[in-house]
Amino acid sequence: RSPSVQELESHLGQSTVVAVDPAPAAPGRDGGRDRLASTASAATDAQTAGNSRSDGKVIRCYVASVAPDAGRTSLWLRLCDGEGFCEALLPPPTLQHMLGQGDMETLAGRARLLHGLFRLVQQGETFHIESFSRGPTPQELEQQLARAGAPANV
């Protein structure tokens, strides 16, 4: 039997996966905005120091899609935690720090590969990505679970 997400999070000491949706639901789109926002707010309250509202929110997710902004200096990332989506801007200084140098197409390709912890800060009605740290690989998860005494069939 494979461990559940809750078991993995418990063994790894991680917080609950959350996402926030800054835009109102479009017609035909999931209307879970309030649920996602309240989940994010509750998770923010429960997280450790350094993850307060003034410091931003940390969400564990992957990049579902990427698009350049209108000025082609930043990238819009649509982040997904498996339940909901959050659109966030990756501004130039953070973009170069996270993805290195290259044209927008190359940077967008690199951004699509990101999966891990994103720190988001809200500026007005827009979320900005402040930092990123990669999530553990499946092999790293197996090693962590083995050290914790859990079955390693992830």
N, C-alpha and C. Protein backbone atom coordinates (compact mmCIF):
# COMPACT_ATOMS: atom_id res chain seq x y z
N ARG A 1 0.84 -1.18 0.00
CA ARG A 1 0.00 0.00 0.00
C ARG A 1 0.88 1.23 0.00
N SER A 2 0.51 2.20 -0.81
CA SER A 2 1.24 3.47 -0.85
C SER A 2 0.75 4.37 0.27
N PRO A 3 1.67 5.13 0.89
CA PRO A 3 1.25 6.05 1.95
C PRO A 3 0.39 7.17 1.38
N SER A 4 -0.54 7.65 2.18
CA SER A 4 -1.39 8.76 1.75
C SER A 4 -0.61 10.06 1.83
N VAL A 5 -1.16 11.11 1.24
CA VAL A 5 -0.54 12.44 1.30
C VAL A 5 -0.37 12.87 2.75
N GLN A 6 -1.40 12.61 3.58
CA GLN A 6 -1.31 12.99 4.98
C GLN A 6 -0.17 12.26 5.69
N GLU A 7 0.00 10.97 5.38
CA GLU A 7 1.09 10.21 5.98
C GLU A 7 2.44 10.75 5.54
N LEU A 8 2.57 11.06 4.25
CA LEU A 8 3.83 11.63 3.75
C LEU A 8 4.13 12.94 4.44
N GLU A 9 3.11 13.81 4.52
CA GLU A 9 3.32 15.11 5.15
C GLU A 9 3.69 14.95 6.62
N SER A 10 3.05 13.99 7.28
CA SER A 10 3.34 13.75 8.69
C SER A 10 4.79 13.29 8.86
N HIS A 11 5.22 12.34 8.03
CA HIS A 11 6.58 11.83 8.12
C HIS A 11 7.61 12.88 7.74
N LEU A 12 7.26 13.73 6.80
CA LEU A 12 8.22 14.73 6.32
C LEU A 12 8.15 16.02 7.11
N GLY A 13 7.17 16.15 8.00
CA GLY A 13 7.05 17.37 8.79
C GLY A 13 6.61 18.56 7.97
N GLN A 14 5.88 18.33 6.91
CA GLN A 14 5.43 19.42 6.04
C GLN A 14 4.04 19.86 6.45
N SER A 15 3.69 21.09 6.06
CA SER A 15 2.35 21.61 6.31
C SER A 15 1.42 21.17 5.18
N THR A 16 0.15 21.41 5.35
CA THR A 16 -0.84 21.06 4.36
C THR A 16 -0.62 21.82 3.07
N VAL A 17 -0.86 21.16 1.95
CA VAL A 17 -0.74 21.79 0.64
C VAL A 17 -1.94 22.71 0.45
N VAL A 18 -1.69 23.97 0.11
CA VAL A 18 -2.77 24.91 -0.11
C VAL A 18 -2.50 25.71 -1.36
N ALA A 19 -3.53 26.33 -1.89
CA ALA A 19 -3.39 27.26 -3.01
C ALA A 19 -4.39 28.37 -2.81
N VAL A 20 -4.10 29.51 -3.36
CA VAL A 20 -5.02 30.62 -3.32
C VAL A 20 -5.31 31.05 -4.74
N ASP A 21 -6.53 31.44 -4.99
CA ASP A 21 -6.94 31.84 -6.32
C ASP A 21 -7.26 33.33 -6.29
N PRO A 22 -6.39 34.21 -6.80
CA PRO A 22 -6.59 35.64 -6.68
C PRO A 22 -7.68 36.21 -7.57
N ALA A 23 -8.11 35.46 -8.57
CA ALA A 23 -9.11 35.98 -9.50
C ALA A 23 -10.45 35.33 -9.25
N PRO A 24 -11.56 36.08 -9.49
CA PRO A 24 -12.87 35.46 -9.35
C PRO A 24 -13.02 34.34 -10.36
N ALA A 25 -13.84 33.37 -10.02
CA ALA A 25 -14.04 32.24 -10.91
C ALA A 25 -14.72 32.70 -12.19
N ALA A 26 -14.18 32.25 -13.31
CA ALA A 26 -14.77 32.56 -14.61
C ALA A 26 -15.94 31.62 -14.85
N PRO A 27 -16.87 31.99 -15.74
CA PRO A 27 -17.99 31.10 -16.02
C PRO A 27 -17.48 29.72 -16.44
N GLY A 28 -18.05 28.69 -15.85
CA GLY A 28 -17.66 27.33 -16.18
C GLY A 28 -16.43 26.85 -15.43
N ARG A 29 -15.82 27.72 -14.64
CA ARG A 29 -14.63 27.34 -13.87
C ARG A 29 -15.04 27.00 -12.45
N ASP A 30 -14.23 26.19 -11.78
CA ASP A 30 -14.51 25.81 -10.40
C ASP A 30 -14.68 27.05 -9.54
N GLY A 31 -15.76 27.14 -8.81
CA GLY A 31 -16.04 28.30 -7.97
C GLY A 31 -15.51 28.14 -6.56
N GLY A 32 -14.46 27.37 -6.36
CA GLY A 32 -13.94 27.12 -5.03
C GLY A 32 -13.01 28.20 -4.51
N ARG A 33 -13.10 29.41 -5.04
CA ARG A 33 -12.20 30.50 -4.66
C ARG A 33 -12.25 30.76 -3.16
N ASP A 34 -13.45 30.88 -2.59
CA ASP A 34 -13.55 31.18 -1.17
C ASP A 34 -12.97 30.06 -0.32
N ARG A 35 -13.23 28.81 -0.72
CA ARG A 35 -12.68 27.66 0.01
C ARG A 35 -11.16 27.69 -0.04
N LEU A 36 -10.59 27.95 -1.22
CA LEU A 36 -9.14 27.98 -1.36
C LEU A 36 -8.54 29.13 -0.57
N ALA A 37 -9.16 30.30 -0.64
CA ALA A 37 -8.63 31.47 0.08
C ALA A 37 -8.70 31.24 1.59
N SER A 38 -9.81 30.66 2.07
CA SER A 38 -9.92 30.43 3.51
C SER A 38 -8.96 29.34 3.96
N THR A 39 -8.74 28.32 3.12
CA THR A 39 -7.77 27.29 3.44
C THR A 39 -6.38 27.89 3.53
N ALA A 40 -6.04 28.76 2.58
CA ALA A 40 -4.73 29.41 2.59
C ALA A 40 -4.57 30.27 3.83
N SER A 41 -5.63 30.98 4.19
CA SER A 41 -5.58 31.84 5.36
C SER A 41 -5.39 31.01 6.63
N ALA A 42 -6.13 29.92 6.74
CA ALA A 42 -6.01 29.05 7.91
C ALA A 42 -4.62 28.42 7.97
N ALA A 43 -4.11 27.99 6.83
CA ALA A 43 -2.79 27.39 6.80
C ALA A 43 -1.72 28.42 7.15
N THR A 44 -1.92 29.65 6.71
CA THR A 44 -0.97 30.71 7.04
C THR A 44 -0.94 30.91 8.54
N ASP A 45 -2.11 30.91 9.18
CA ASP A 45 -2.17 31.09 10.63
C ASP A 45 -1.45 29.96 11.35
N ALA A 46 -1.50 28.75 10.78
CA ALA A 46 -0.93 27.59 11.45
C ALA A 46 0.55 27.39 11.18
N GLN A 47 1.10 28.07 10.17
CA GLN A 47 2.48 27.83 9.81
C GLN A 47 3.43 28.51 10.77
N THR A 48 4.68 28.10 10.70
CA THR A 48 5.70 28.60 11.62
C THR A 48 6.11 30.02 11.28
N ALA A 49 6.89 30.64 12.17
CA ALA A 49 7.38 32.00 11.96
C ALA A 49 8.11 32.07 10.63
N GLY A 50 8.00 33.21 9.96
CA GLY A 50 8.61 33.37 8.65
C GLY A 50 7.61 33.17 7.54
N ASN A 51 6.43 32.65 7.88
CA ASN A 51 5.38 32.45 6.89
C ASN A 51 4.15 33.26 7.24
N SER A 52 4.33 34.38 7.91
CA SER A 52 3.18 35.19 8.31
C SER A 52 2.62 35.94 7.12
N ARG A 53 1.45 36.54 7.32
CA ARG A 53 0.82 37.29 6.23
C ARG A 53 1.74 38.39 5.69
N SER A 54 2.47 39.07 6.58
CA SER A 54 3.34 40.15 6.12
C SER A 54 4.52 39.61 5.33
N ASP A 55 4.93 38.37 5.61
CA ASP A 55 6.05 37.78 4.90
C ASP A 55 5.62 37.01 3.66
N GLY A 56 4.36 36.79 3.48
CA GLY A 56 3.87 36.05 2.33
C GLY A 56 3.35 34.68 2.72
N LYS A 57 2.96 33.93 1.71
CA LYS A 57 2.44 32.59 1.90
C LYS A 57 3.34 31.63 1.15
N VAL A 58 3.53 30.45 1.71
CA VAL A 58 4.31 29.42 1.05
C VAL A 58 3.35 28.32 0.62
N ILE A 59 3.39 27.98 -0.66
CA ILE A 59 2.55 26.89 -1.15
C ILE A 59 3.44 25.88 -1.87
N ARG A 60 3.09 24.61 -1.72
CA ARG A 60 3.81 23.54 -2.41
C ARG A 60 2.99 23.18 -3.64
N CYS A 61 3.60 23.34 -4.80
CA CYS A 61 2.85 23.10 -6.02
C CYS A 61 3.80 22.92 -7.21
N TYR A 62 3.18 22.71 -8.37
CA TYR A 62 3.93 22.62 -9.62
C TYR A 62 3.40 23.70 -10.56
N VAL A 63 4.14 23.96 -11.62
CA VAL A 63 3.74 24.97 -12.61
C VAL A 63 2.88 24.28 -13.65
N ALA A 64 1.61 24.69 -13.73
CA ALA A 64 0.67 24.10 -14.69
C ALA A 64 0.81 24.74 -16.07
N SER A 65 1.07 26.05 -16.11
CA SER A 65 1.27 26.73 -17.38
C SER A 65 2.05 28.02 -17.16
N VAL A 66 2.62 28.52 -18.24
CA VAL A 66 3.47 29.72 -18.20
C VAL A 66 3.11 30.61 -19.37
N ALA A 67 3.10 31.92 -19.13
CA ALA A 67 2.89 32.89 -20.21
C ALA A 67 3.69 34.15 -19.89
N PRO A 68 4.29 34.77 -20.91
CA PRO A 68 5.00 36.04 -20.66
C PRO A 68 4.00 37.14 -20.34
N ASP A 69 4.43 38.13 -19.55
CA ASP A 69 3.56 39.26 -19.29
C ASP A 69 3.53 40.16 -20.53
N ALA A 70 2.70 41.19 -20.51
CA ALA A 70 2.53 42.07 -21.67
C ALA A 70 3.85 42.71 -22.11
N GLY A 71 4.70 43.09 -21.17
CA GLY A 71 5.96 43.73 -21.50
C GLY A 71 7.08 42.75 -21.82
N ARG A 72 6.80 41.45 -21.69
CA ARG A 72 7.76 40.38 -21.95
C ARG A 72 9.03 40.52 -21.10
N THR A 73 8.85 41.00 -19.85
CA THR A 73 9.98 41.08 -18.93
C THR A 73 9.78 40.13 -17.75
N SER A 74 8.56 39.67 -17.56
CA SER A 74 8.21 38.77 -16.45
C SER A 74 7.44 37.59 -17.01
N LEU A 75 7.22 36.60 -16.17
CA LEU A 75 6.40 35.45 -16.56
C LEU A 75 5.23 35.30 -15.59
N TRP A 76 4.07 34.97 -16.15
CA TRP A 76 2.91 34.59 -15.33
C TRP A 76 2.95 33.09 -15.19
N LEU A 77 2.97 32.61 -13.95
CA LEU A 77 2.95 31.18 -13.69
C LEU A 77 1.60 30.80 -13.10
N ARG A 78 1.00 29.77 -13.66
CA ARG A 78 -0.24 29.22 -13.09
C ARG A 78 0.20 28.02 -12.26
N LEU A 79 0.11 28.18 -10.95
CA LEU A 79 0.58 27.17 -10.01
C LEU A 79 -0.58 26.27 -9.59
N CYS A 80 -0.32 24.99 -9.42
CA CYS A 80 -1.36 24.04 -9.02
C CYS A 80 -0.85 23.17 -7.88
N ASP A 81 -1.72 23.00 -6.89
CA ASP A 81 -1.39 22.12 -5.76
C ASP A 81 -2.10 20.77 -5.88
N GLY A 82 -2.75 20.53 -6.99
CA GLY A 82 -3.50 19.29 -7.19
C GLY A 82 -4.98 19.47 -6.96
N GLU A 83 -5.38 20.58 -6.32
CA GLU A 83 -6.79 20.86 -6.06
C GLU A 83 -7.23 22.19 -6.65
N GLY A 84 -6.37 23.19 -6.60
CA GLY A 84 -6.72 24.52 -7.06
C GLY A 84 -5.56 25.18 -7.76
N PHE A 85 -5.82 26.36 -8.30
CA PHE A 85 -4.82 27.09 -9.05
C PHE A 85 -4.58 28.46 -8.44
N CYS A 86 -3.41 29.00 -8.69
CA CYS A 86 -3.04 30.34 -8.28
C CYS A 86 -2.18 30.92 -9.39
N GLU A 87 -2.54 32.10 -9.87
CA GLU A 87 -1.72 32.76 -10.87
C GLU A 87 -0.83 33.77 -10.16
N ALA A 88 0.46 33.71 -10.46
CA ALA A 88 1.42 34.58 -9.79
C ALA A 88 2.45 35.07 -10.81
N LEU A 89 2.90 36.29 -10.60
CA LEU A 89 3.88 36.92 -11.48
C LEU A 89 5.29 36.61 -10.98
N LEU A 90 6.15 36.21 -11.89
CA LEU A 90 7.56 36.00 -11.59
C LEU A 90 8.31 37.20 -12.17
N PRO A 91 8.62 38.21 -11.31
CA PRO A 91 9.22 39.46 -11.80
C PRO A 91 10.69 39.29 -12.18
N PRO A 92 11.24 40.24 -12.97
CA PRO A 92 12.59 40.11 -13.51
C PRO A 92 13.69 39.73 -12.53
N PRO A 93 13.86 40.39 -11.37
CA PRO A 93 15.00 39.99 -10.53
C PRO A 93 14.89 38.53 -10.07
N THR A 94 13.70 38.13 -9.66
CA THR A 94 13.49 36.75 -9.19
C THR A 94 13.58 35.78 -10.35
N LEU A 95 13.08 36.19 -11.51
CA LEU A 95 13.11 35.36 -12.72
C LEU A 95 14.55 34.97 -13.05
N GLN A 96 15.46 35.96 -13.11
CA GLN A 96 16.86 35.67 -13.42
C GLN A 96 17.51 34.84 -12.31
N HIS A 97 17.19 35.14 -11.07
CA HIS A 97 17.78 34.40 -9.95
C HIS A 97 17.36 32.93 -9.99
N MET A 98 16.08 32.67 -10.27
CA MET A 98 15.55 31.31 -10.26
C MET A 98 15.90 30.53 -11.52
N LEU A 99 15.84 31.21 -12.69
CA LEU A 99 15.92 30.49 -13.96
C LEU A 99 17.16 30.79 -14.78
N GLY A 100 17.98 31.77 -14.35
CA GLY A 100 19.19 32.10 -15.09
C GLY A 100 18.90 33.00 -16.28
N GLN A 101 19.83 33.04 -17.20
CA GLN A 101 19.71 33.89 -18.39
C GLN A 101 19.12 33.10 -19.54
N GLY A 102 18.54 33.82 -20.50
CA GLY A 102 18.00 33.18 -21.69
C GLY A 102 16.86 34.00 -22.24
N ASP A 103 16.40 33.62 -23.43
CA ASP A 103 15.25 34.31 -24.00
C ASP A 103 13.98 33.83 -23.29
N MET A 104 12.87 34.52 -23.54
CA MET A 104 11.62 34.21 -22.84
C MET A 104 11.17 32.77 -23.07
N GLU A 105 11.37 32.25 -24.26
CA GLU A 105 10.95 30.88 -24.55
C GLU A 105 11.74 29.88 -23.71
N THR A 106 13.04 30.11 -23.60
CA THR A 106 13.90 29.24 -22.79
C THR A 106 13.52 29.31 -21.32
N LEU A 107 13.32 30.55 -20.83
CA LEU A 107 12.95 30.73 -19.42
C LEU A 107 11.60 30.11 -19.12
N ALA A 108 10.65 30.24 -20.05
CA ALA A 108 9.32 29.64 -19.86
C ALA A 108 9.44 28.11 -19.79
N GLY A 109 10.30 27.54 -20.62
CA GLY A 109 10.52 26.09 -20.58
C GLY A 109 11.09 25.64 -19.25
N ARG A 110 12.03 26.42 -18.72
CA ARG A 110 12.61 26.09 -17.41
C ARG A 110 11.56 26.22 -16.31
N ALA A 111 10.74 27.26 -16.41
CA ALA A 111 9.71 27.49 -15.39
C ALA A 111 8.71 26.34 -15.34
N ARG A 112 8.39 25.76 -16.50
CA ARG A 112 7.42 24.65 -16.55
C ARG A 112 7.90 23.43 -15.76
N LEU A 113 9.20 23.33 -15.52
CA LEU A 113 9.76 22.18 -14.81
C LEU A 113 9.77 22.33 -13.30
N LEU A 114 9.39 23.52 -12.80
CA LEU A 114 9.46 23.77 -11.36
C LEU A 114 8.38 23.02 -10.59
N HIS A 115 8.78 22.43 -9.49
CA HIS A 115 7.86 21.73 -8.59
C HIS A 115 8.47 21.82 -7.21
N GLY A 116 7.80 22.51 -6.32
CA GLY A 116 8.35 22.68 -4.98
C GLY A 116 7.60 23.73 -4.19
N LEU A 117 8.33 24.46 -3.36
CA LEU A 117 7.74 25.45 -2.46
C LEU A 117 7.94 26.85 -3.03
N PHE A 118 6.84 27.54 -3.26
CA PHE A 118 6.86 28.91 -3.77
C PHE A 118 6.43 29.85 -2.65
N ARG A 119 7.21 30.88 -2.41
CA ARG A 119 6.81 31.93 -1.45
C ARG A 119 6.18 33.04 -2.28
N LEU A 120 4.91 33.33 -1.97
CA LEU A 120 4.15 34.36 -2.68
C LEU A 120 3.90 35.54 -1.76
N VAL A 121 4.02 36.73 -2.30
CA VAL A 121 3.63 37.94 -1.57
C VAL A 121 2.58 38.64 -2.41
N GLN A 122 1.60 39.22 -1.74
CA GLN A 122 0.53 39.90 -2.45
C GLN A 122 0.85 41.38 -2.54
N GLN A 123 0.81 41.90 -3.76
CA GLN A 123 1.01 43.33 -4.01
C GLN A 123 -0.23 43.80 -4.75
N GLY A 124 -1.09 44.52 -4.04
CA GLY A 124 -2.38 44.89 -4.62
C GLY A 124 -3.21 43.64 -4.78
N GLU A 125 -3.68 43.41 -6.00
CA GLU A 125 -4.49 42.21 -6.26
C GLU A 125 -3.69 41.12 -6.95
N THR A 126 -2.38 41.29 -7.03
CA THR A 126 -1.52 40.35 -7.74
C THR A 126 -0.58 39.65 -6.78
N PHE A 127 -0.42 38.35 -6.98
CA PHE A 127 0.58 37.60 -6.23
C PHE A 127 1.89 37.63 -7.01
N HIS A 128 2.99 37.88 -6.30
CA HIS A 128 4.33 37.87 -6.88
C HIS A 128 5.11 36.73 -6.24
N ILE A 129 5.88 36.03 -7.05
CA ILE A 129 6.73 34.97 -6.53
C ILE A 129 8.00 35.62 -5.99
N GLU A 130 8.22 35.42 -4.71
CA GLU A 130 9.39 36.02 -4.05
C GLU A 130 10.57 35.05 -4.03
N SER A 131 10.27 33.76 -3.88
CA SER A 131 11.35 32.77 -3.86
C SER A 131 10.78 31.39 -4.15
N PHE A 132 11.68 30.45 -4.37
CA PHE A 132 11.31 29.08 -4.70
C PHE A 132 12.36 28.15 -4.12
N SER A 133 11.92 27.01 -3.61
CA SER A 133 12.85 25.92 -3.28
C SER A 133 12.23 24.64 -3.80
N ARG A 134 13.07 23.83 -4.41
CA ARG A 134 12.55 22.64 -5.09
C ARG A 134 12.04 21.62 -4.09
N GLY A 135 11.07 20.84 -4.55
CA GLY A 135 10.54 19.76 -3.73
C GLY A 135 11.47 18.56 -3.80
N PRO A 136 11.35 17.64 -2.87
CA PRO A 136 12.20 16.45 -2.89
C PRO A 136 11.87 15.55 -4.08
N THR A 137 12.88 14.87 -4.60
CA THR A 137 12.67 13.91 -5.68
C THR A 137 12.02 12.66 -5.10
N PRO A 138 11.46 11.80 -5.94
CA PRO A 138 10.88 10.55 -5.42
C PRO A 138 11.91 9.73 -4.62
N GLN A 139 13.16 9.72 -5.08
CA GLN A 139 14.20 8.97 -4.36
C GLN A 139 14.45 9.60 -2.98
N GLU A 140 14.47 10.92 -2.91
CA GLU A 140 14.67 11.59 -1.62
C GLU A 140 13.49 11.31 -0.68
N LEU A 141 12.27 11.29 -1.23
CA LEU A 141 11.10 10.96 -0.41
C LEU A 141 11.22 9.54 0.15
N GLU A 142 11.62 8.60 -0.70
CA GLU A 142 11.77 7.22 -0.24
C GLU A 142 12.79 7.13 0.88
N GLN A 143 13.91 7.86 0.73
CA GLN A 143 14.93 7.85 1.78
C GLN A 143 14.40 8.45 3.08
N GLN A 144 13.67 9.54 2.97
CA GLN A 144 13.10 10.18 4.17
C GLN A 144 12.08 9.27 4.83
N LEU A 145 11.24 8.61 4.02
CA LEU A 145 10.25 7.69 4.58
C LEU A 145 10.93 6.49 5.23
N ALA A 146 12.01 5.99 4.61
CA ALA A 146 12.73 4.85 5.19
C ALA A 146 13.32 5.23 6.54
N ARG A 147 13.88 6.44 6.64
CA ARG A 147 14.43 6.91 7.92
C ARG A 147 13.33 7.07 8.96
N ALA A 148 12.11 7.41 8.50
CA ALA A 148 11.00 7.60 9.43
C ALA A 148 10.31 6.28 9.77
N GLY A 149 10.71 5.19 9.09
CA GLY A 149 10.14 3.88 9.37
C GLY A 149 8.86 3.59 8.61
N ALA A 150 8.57 4.35 7.58
CA ALA A 150 7.36 4.13 6.78
C ALA A 150 7.70 3.24 5.58
N PRO A 151 6.68 2.57 5.01
CA PRO A 151 6.93 1.77 3.81
C PRO A 151 7.42 2.68 2.68
N ALA A 152 8.36 2.20 1.88
CA ALA A 152 8.99 3.04 0.85
C ALA A 152 8.46 2.76 -0.54
N ASN A 153 7.22 2.37 -0.68
CA ASN A 153 6.65 2.10 -2.01
C ASN A 153 5.83 3.28 -2.49
N VAL A 154 6.48 4.42 -2.69
CA VAL A 154 5.80 5.65 -3.12
C VAL A 154 5.52 5.60 -4.58
